């Protein structure tokens, strides 16, 4: 299944990497280019034991990609997931 995860913070990045490890094609979308570059390089910008290995495998096998483009996400999604701060329930918190 093709999935889109909106927001690549602690919850979004972890969810995206784990879904990719399960075999789904996942696109993680966020507005922070520095965070996206780190994640795309297999670097985890927060502490989560074991996630760097999962993220590395998922990005190297092509099942997990990252983008800042909502239009790209809209074109490829089958199953969108939203992961943004609980205090910001609006999509405007991301864009």
C-alpha atoms as a PDB file:
ATOM      1  CA  UNK A   1       0.000   0.000   0.000  1.00  0.00           C
ATOM      2  CA  UNK A   2       1.182   3.530  -0.708  1.00  0.00           C
ATOM      3  CA  UNK A   3       1.035   5.689   2.412  1.00  0.00           C
ATOM      4  CA  UNK A   4       1.648   9.334   3.228  1.00  0.00           C
ATOM      5  CA  UNK A   5       2.619  10.493   6.709  1.00  0.00           C
ATOM      6  CA  UNK A   6       2.074  14.222   7.289  1.00  0.00           C
ATOM      7  CA  UNK A   7       4.564  15.379   9.894  1.00  0.00           C
ATOM      8  CA  UNK A   8       7.909  13.666  10.492  1.00  0.00           C
ATOM      9  CA  UNK A   9       8.513  14.398  14.137  1.00  0.00           C
ATOM     10  CA  UNK A  10       8.908  11.722  16.772  1.00  0.00           C
ATOM     11  CA  UNK A  11       5.598   9.979  15.993  1.00  0.00           C
ATOM     12  CA  UNK A  12       5.513  10.543  12.237  1.00  0.00           C
ATOM     13  CA  UNK A  13       9.061   9.455  11.467  1.00  0.00           C
ATOM     14  CA  UNK A  14       8.733   6.370  13.663  1.00  0.00           C
ATOM     15  CA  UNK A  15       5.384   5.429  12.114  1.00  0.00           C
ATOM     16  CA  UNK A  16       6.677   5.989   8.582  1.00  0.00           C
ATOM     17  CA  UNK A  17       9.819   3.902   9.112  1.00  0.00           C
ATOM     18  CA  UNK A  18       7.915   1.035  10.728  1.00  0.00           C
ATOM     19  CA  UNK A  19       5.248   0.967   7.999  1.00  0.00           C
ATOM     20  CA  UNK A  20       8.014   0.895   5.368  1.00  0.00           C
ATOM     21  CA  UNK A  21       9.678  -1.993   7.194  1.00  0.00           C
ATOM     22  CA  UNK A  22       6.366  -3.857   6.988  1.00  0.00           C
ATOM     23  CA  UNK A  23       6.497  -3.499   3.197  1.00  0.00           C
ATOM     24  CA  UNK A  24       4.456  -0.370   2.489  1.00  0.00           C
ATOM     25  CA  UNK A  25       5.667   2.428   0.217  1.00  0.00           C
ATOM     26  CA  UNK A  26       5.743   5.484   2.490  1.00  0.00           C
ATOM     27  CA  UNK A  27       6.225   9.193   1.814  1.00  0.00           C
ATOM     28  CA  UNK A  28       6.969  11.333   4.866  1.00  0.00           C
ATOM     29  CA  UNK A  29       6.013  14.991   4.389  1.00  0.00           C
ATOM     30  CA  UNK A  30       7.163  17.911   6.517  1.00  0.00           C
ATOM     31  CA  UNK A  31       8.021  21.617   6.219  1.00  0.00           C
ATOM     32  CA  UNK A  32      11.476  21.415   7.831  1.00  0.00           C
ATOM     33  CA  UNK A  33      14.078  20.832   5.082  1.00  0.00           C
ATOM     34  CA  UNK A  34      16.901  20.177   7.558  1.00  0.00           C
ATOM     35  CA  UNK A  35      14.896  17.443   9.290  1.00  0.00           C
ATOM     36  CA  UNK A  36      13.890  15.924   5.941  1.00  0.00           C
ATOM     37  CA  UNK A  37      17.532  15.845   4.798  1.00  0.00           C
ATOM     38  CA  UNK A  38      18.618  14.078   7.990  1.00  0.00           C
ATOM     39  CA  UNK A  39      15.826  11.517   7.769  1.00  0.00           C
ATOM     40  CA  UNK A  40      16.493  10.873   4.067  1.00  0.00           C
ATOM     41  CA  UNK A  41      20.145  10.232   4.964  1.00  0.00           C
ATOM     42  CA  UNK A  42      19.066   7.706   7.576  1.00  0.00           C
ATOM     43  CA  UNK A  43      19.802   9.970  10.561  1.00  0.00           C
ATOM     44  CA  UNK A  44      17.280  10.142  13.400  1.00  0.00           C
ATOM     45  CA  UNK A  45      17.067  13.679  14.887  1.00  0.00           C
ATOM     46  CA  UNK A  46      15.735  12.387  18.242  1.00  0.00           C
ATOM     47  CA  UNK A  47      16.303   9.437  20.554  1.00  0.00           C
ATOM     48  CA  UNK A  48      14.446   6.229  19.734  1.00  0.00           C
ATOM     49  CA  UNK A  49      16.384   2.977  20.272  1.00  0.00           C
ATOM     50  CA  UNK A  50      16.668   0.905  17.103  1.00  0.00           C
ATOM     51  CA  UNK A  51      15.003   3.451  14.829  1.00  0.00           C
ATOM     52  CA  UNK A  52      18.180   4.409  12.964  1.00  0.00           C
ATOM     53  CA  UNK A  53      18.561   0.821  11.739  1.00  0.00           C
ATOM     54  CA  UNK A  54      14.909   0.608  10.656  1.00  0.00           C
ATOM     55  CA  UNK A  55      15.095   4.032   9.002  1.00  0.00           C
ATOM     56  CA  UNK A  56      18.341   3.139   7.229  1.00  0.00           C
ATOM     57  CA  UNK A  57      16.904  -0.065   5.782  1.00  0.00           C
ATOM     58  CA  UNK A  58      13.659   1.623   4.741  1.00  0.00           C
ATOM     59  CA  UNK A  59      15.374   4.503   2.941  1.00  0.00           C
ATOM     60  CA  UNK A  60      18.030   2.318   1.289  1.00  0.00           C
ATOM     61  CA  UNK A  61      15.488  -0.138  -0.124  1.00  0.00           C
ATOM     62  CA  UNK A  62      13.361   2.727  -1.489  1.00  0.00           C
ATOM     63  CA  UNK A  63      10.231   2.034   0.549  1.00  0.00           C
ATOM     64  CA  UNK A  64      10.590   5.276   2.527  1.00  0.00           C
ATOM     65  CA  UNK A  65      11.061   8.691   0.956  1.00  0.00           C
ATOM     66  CA  UNK A  66      10.677  12.223   2.268  1.00  0.00           C
ATOM     67  CA  UNK A  67       9.319  15.418   0.725  1.00  0.00           C
ATOM     68  CA  UNK A  68       8.131  18.902   1.591  1.00  0.00           C
ATOM     69  CA  UNK A  69       5.535  18.869  -1.183  1.00  0.00           C
ATOM     70  CA  UNK A  70       1.868  18.433  -0.353  1.00  0.00           C
ATOM     71  CA  UNK A  71       1.063  18.114  -4.058  1.00  0.00           C
ATOM     72  CA  UNK A  72       3.434  15.145  -4.338  1.00  0.00           C
ATOM     73  CA  UNK A  73       1.761  13.610  -1.302  1.00  0.00           C
ATOM     74  CA  UNK A  74      -1.718  14.162  -2.744  1.00  0.00           C
ATOM     75  CA  UNK A  75      -0.789  12.442  -6.017  1.00  0.00           C
ATOM     76  CA  UNK A  76       0.588   9.272  -4.440  1.00  0.00           C
ATOM     77  CA  UNK A  77      -1.499   8.692  -1.350  1.00  0.00           C
ATOM     78  CA  UNK A  78      -3.765   5.760  -0.729  1.00  0.00           C
ATOM     79  CA  UNK A  79      -3.760   5.912   3.036  1.00  0.00           C
ATOM     80  CA  UNK A  80      -2.839   9.270   4.629  1.00  0.00           C
ATOM     81  CA  UNK A  81      -1.640   9.439   8.234  1.00  0.00           C
ATOM     82  CA  UNK A  82      -1.386  12.659  10.214  1.00  0.00           C
ATOM     83  CA  UNK A  83       1.243  13.043  12.906  1.00  0.00           C
ATOM     84  CA  UNK A  84       1.513  16.578  14.214  1.00  0.00           C
ATOM     85  CA  UNK A  85       1.784  18.032  17.708  1.00  0.00           C
ATOM     86  CA  UNK A  86      -1.255  17.327  19.871  1.00  0.00           C
ATOM     87  CA  UNK A  87      -1.504  21.013  20.704  1.00  0.00           C
ATOM     88  CA  UNK A  88      -1.858  21.812  16.966  1.00  0.00           C
ATOM     89  CA  UNK A  89      -4.800  19.863  15.514  1.00  0.00           C
ATOM     90  CA  UNK A  90      -4.909  22.001  12.399  1.00  0.00           C
ATOM     91  CA  UNK A  91      -3.009  21.270   9.208  1.00  0.00           C
ATOM     92  CA  UNK A  92      -1.947  24.926   9.312  1.00  0.00           C
ATOM     93  CA  UNK A  93       0.501  23.862  12.046  1.00  0.00           C
ATOM     94  CA  UNK A  94       2.478  22.211   9.251  1.00  0.00           C
ATOM     95  CA  UNK A  95       1.910  24.698   6.400  1.00  0.00           C
END
